[in-house]
Protein backbone atom coordinates (compact mmCIF):
# COMPACT_ATOMS: atom_id res chain seq x y z
CA MET A 1 96.73 138.08 74.98
CA LEU A 2 99.13 135.72 77.29
CA GLU A 3 98.41 132.02 78.30
CA ILE A 4 99.48 132.05 82.06
CA GLU A 5 99.98 128.59 83.02
CA VAL A 6 101.47 126.49 85.90
CA LYS A 7 101.91 122.60 85.73
CA TYR A 8 102.48 120.13 88.61
CA ARG A 9 103.39 116.68 88.71
CA VAL A 10 100.99 114.59 90.73
CA THR A 11 100.90 110.72 91.44
CA ASP A 12 96.83 110.41 90.90
CA PHE A 13 94.10 112.69 90.23
CA GLN A 14 91.45 111.69 93.26
CA SER A 15 92.39 114.54 95.29
CA ILE A 16 92.14 117.47 92.73
CA GLU A 17 88.67 115.69 91.34
CA GLN A 18 87.32 115.95 94.92
CA HIS A 19 88.73 119.96 94.98
CA LEU A 20 87.00 120.66 91.84
CA CYS A 21 83.84 119.19 93.08
CA ARG A 22 83.66 121.09 96.45
CA VAL A 23 84.71 124.47 94.45
CA LYS A 24 81.85 123.37 91.69
CA ALA A 25 84.51 123.57 88.66
CA GLN A 26 82.79 122.57 85.60
CA PHE A 27 83.65 118.84 83.61
CA LEU A 28 83.77 119.55 80.00
CA ARG A 29 85.25 116.53 78.54
CA GLU A 30 87.69 113.88 78.25
CA GLN A 31 89.81 113.47 75.05
CA GLU A 32 92.77 112.06 73.41
CA GLU A 33 95.24 114.70 71.91
CA VAL A 34 98.43 113.60 69.84
CA ASP A 35 100.50 116.64 69.37
CA LEU A 36 103.31 116.43 66.73
CA TYR A 37 106.04 119.25 67.22
CA PHE A 38 108.58 120.75 64.82
CA ASN A 39 111.72 122.49 64.87
CA ALA A 40 112.10 125.70 62.27
CA PRO A 41 114.95 125.37 59.51
CA HIS A 42 116.11 128.75 60.25
CA ARG A 43 116.40 128.52 63.96
CA ASP A 44 116.65 125.73 66.82
CA PHE A 45 113.10 126.02 68.85
CA SER A 46 114.80 123.99 71.82
CA GLN A 47 117.44 127.01 71.91
CA THR A 48 114.79 130.07 71.29
CA ASP A 49 112.32 128.19 73.55
CA GLU A 50 109.29 128.40 71.10
CA ALA A 51 107.37 125.49 69.75
CA VAL A 52 105.43 124.81 66.84
CA ARG A 53 102.71 121.92 66.94
CA LEU A 54 100.16 119.96 65.36
CA ARG A 55 97.79 118.79 67.54
CA THR A 56 94.97 116.52 66.69
CA VAL A 57 91.81 115.91 68.97
CA GLY A 58 89.43 113.18 67.35
CA GLU A 59 88.68 114.69 63.38
CA THR A 60 90.19 118.21 65.09
CA ASN A 61 93.07 119.53 63.84
CA CYS A 62 95.29 122.80 65.02
CA LEU A 63 98.38 124.15 64.75
CA THR A 64 99.92 125.99 67.19
CA TYR A 65 102.62 128.57 67.80
CA LYS A 66 104.01 129.04 71.30
CA GLY A 67 106.39 132.30 71.91
CA HIS A 68 109.26 131.82 74.33
CA ARG A 69 108.43 131.98 78.23
CA ILE A 70 108.13 135.71 79.38
CA ASP A 71 108.26 134.73 83.26
CA LYS A 72 110.30 133.38 85.37
CA ASP A 73 107.75 131.54 87.92
CA THR A 74 105.32 130.03 85.35
CA LYS A 75 104.83 128.65 81.61
CA THR A 76 103.73 132.01 80.34
CA ARG A 77 104.00 132.75 76.90
CA THR A 78 101.94 134.66 73.57
CA GLU A 79 100.04 131.13 71.87
CA ILE A 80 99.04 131.81 68.51
CA GLU A 81 96.56 128.72 67.17
CA VAL A 82 95.16 128.17 63.87
CA PHE A 83 92.21 125.79 63.52
CA LEU A 84 92.55 123.50 60.32
CA ALA A 85 89.82 121.46 58.70
CA PRO A 86 88.40 118.54 60.54
CA ALA A 87 89.80 115.34 58.66
CA ALA A 88 92.76 113.25 59.11
CA SER A 89 93.67 114.02 55.77
CA THR A 90 93.96 117.40 56.92
CA HIS A 91 96.54 116.52 59.69
CA GLU A 92 98.66 114.77 57.24
CA ALA A 93 98.49 117.42 54.59
CA ALA A 94 99.50 119.83 57.25
CA ARG A 95 102.41 117.75 58.29
CA GLN A 96 103.60 117.59 54.83
CA TRP A 97 103.21 121.21 54.51
CA LEU A 98 105.61 122.28 57.38
CA GLU A 99 108.00 119.33 56.22
CA ALA A 100 108.05 120.69 52.51
CA VAL A 101 109.00 124.64 53.95
CA GLY A 102 111.65 122.81 55.74
CA PHE A 103 110.27 122.13 59.44
CA ARG A 104 111.44 118.94 60.86
CA PRO A 105 109.32 116.55 63.06
CA VAL A 106 111.02 116.50 66.68
CA ARG A 107 108.66 114.48 68.96
CA ARG A 108 105.25 113.07 69.38
CA VAL A 109 103.35 113.56 73.04
CA ALA A 110 100.20 111.74 73.77
CA LYS A 111 97.72 112.28 76.36
CA THR A 112 94.23 111.76 77.72
CA ARG A 113 92.99 115.06 79.45
CA LYS A 114 90.10 115.43 81.14
CA LEU A 115 89.13 119.37 81.07
CA TYR A 116 87.57 121.41 83.71
CA GLN A 117 86.70 125.22 83.90
CA LEU A 118 86.18 127.33 87.04
CA GLU A 119 85.08 130.85 87.12
CA HIS A 120 87.13 132.34 89.88
CA GLN A 121 87.66 135.49 91.38
CA GLY A 122 86.68 137.04 87.82
CA HIS A 123 88.86 134.65 85.87
CA ARG A 124 87.98 131.70 83.84
CA ILE A 125 90.54 129.24 84.96
CA ALA A 126 91.25 126.33 82.59
CA ILE A 127 92.38 123.16 84.58
CA SER A 128 93.94 120.03 82.97
CA LEU A 129 94.21 116.62 84.42
CA ASP A 130 96.58 115.28 82.39
CA GLN A 131 97.74 111.45 81.83
CA VAL A 132 100.47 111.68 79.59
CA GLN A 133 102.25 108.93 78.06
CA ASP A 134 105.71 107.92 79.07
CA LEU A 135 105.67 110.65 81.67
CA GLY A 136 102.70 110.29 84.37
CA SER A 137 100.01 112.48 85.66
CA PHE A 138 99.90 116.24 85.57
CA VAL A 139 97.49 118.91 86.40
CA GLU A 140 97.85 122.63 84.46
CA LEU A 141 96.18 125.31 85.60
CA GLU A 142 95.93 128.18 83.20
CA ILE A 143 94.08 131.79 82.57
CA VAL A 144 94.60 133.74 78.96
CA ALA A 145 94.43 137.36 80.16
CA SER A 146 96.03 140.46 78.79
CA ASP A 147 99.51 141.63 80.01
CA GLU A 148 98.19 143.89 82.49
CA LEU A 149 96.48 140.83 84.42
CA LEU A 150 99.81 139.04 84.65
CA ASP A 151 100.53 139.30 87.94
CA GLU A 152 96.81 139.04 89.39
CA ALA A 153 96.67 135.77 87.37
CA LYS A 154 100.11 134.44 88.87
CA ALA A 155 99.31 134.85 92.20
CA LEU A 156 95.56 133.40 91.79
CA LEU A 157 97.08 130.22 90.00
CA PHE A 158 99.50 129.87 92.91
CA ARG A 159 96.97 130.46 95.65
CA LEU A 160 94.90 127.97 93.91
CA ALA A 161 97.83 125.39 93.72
CA ASN A 162 98.87 125.84 97.24
CA ASP A 163 95.01 125.38 98.54
CA TRP A 164 94.92 122.21 96.45
CA HIS A 165 98.34 120.80 97.79
CA LEU A 166 100.03 121.06 94.36
CA HIS A 167 103.66 121.43 95.08
CA GLU A 168 105.99 119.62 92.60
CA MET A 169 105.78 122.45 89.96
CA GLU A 170 107.31 121.52 86.64
CA ARG A 171 108.00 124.66 84.25
CA ARG A 172 109.28 122.09 81.31
CA SER A 173 106.65 121.31 78.43
CA TYR A 174 105.97 117.77 77.96
CA LEU A 175 108.11 117.94 74.62
CA GLU A 176 111.14 119.13 77.10
CA MET A 177 110.19 116.41 79.69
CA LEU A 178 110.13 113.50 76.90
CA CYS A 179 113.31 114.90 74.97
CA ALA A 180 115.42 115.10 78.39
CA SER A 181 114.37 111.63 79.41
CA ALA A 182 115.30 110.22 75.98
CA VAL A 183 118.82 111.29 76.54
CA ARG A 184 119.54 109.61 79.72
């Protein structure tokens, strides 16, 4: 399955939340997410456009591999998630394990995320309103679909973004943006 995603920088969430209300999107929850990204000992993920992330949301921990982007217009990529036991000690053990086998911590990304879901034209669309520490506000629209539905899903996401007046598209990950701002 592919994670087909588009992301847009916004100044605030007010107009987006009004659109979500009009289209009857379901509010799921608000959560604090802390991601710790790692680089591999055998290749440089900044060069291969991959990522390994250890995410914590409350007591929940998840280890994620993100493959390279396979589409020039969106942030579409393969994503593999492994959920770990829920505990702060699990996060620490996973971090230690990754470092023991040679993975190096790169950067921490912290955000407050409001999650919505919309059923539209036969697709389940995940909508995230992200307030990212040291970066600002972003809206992400995502559909998880098979390779065969890539073009259809992309077209739908772009139509929604246009309808909602989202114009400042950002293809870089939060990690890439934070690393770029640190270099300046």
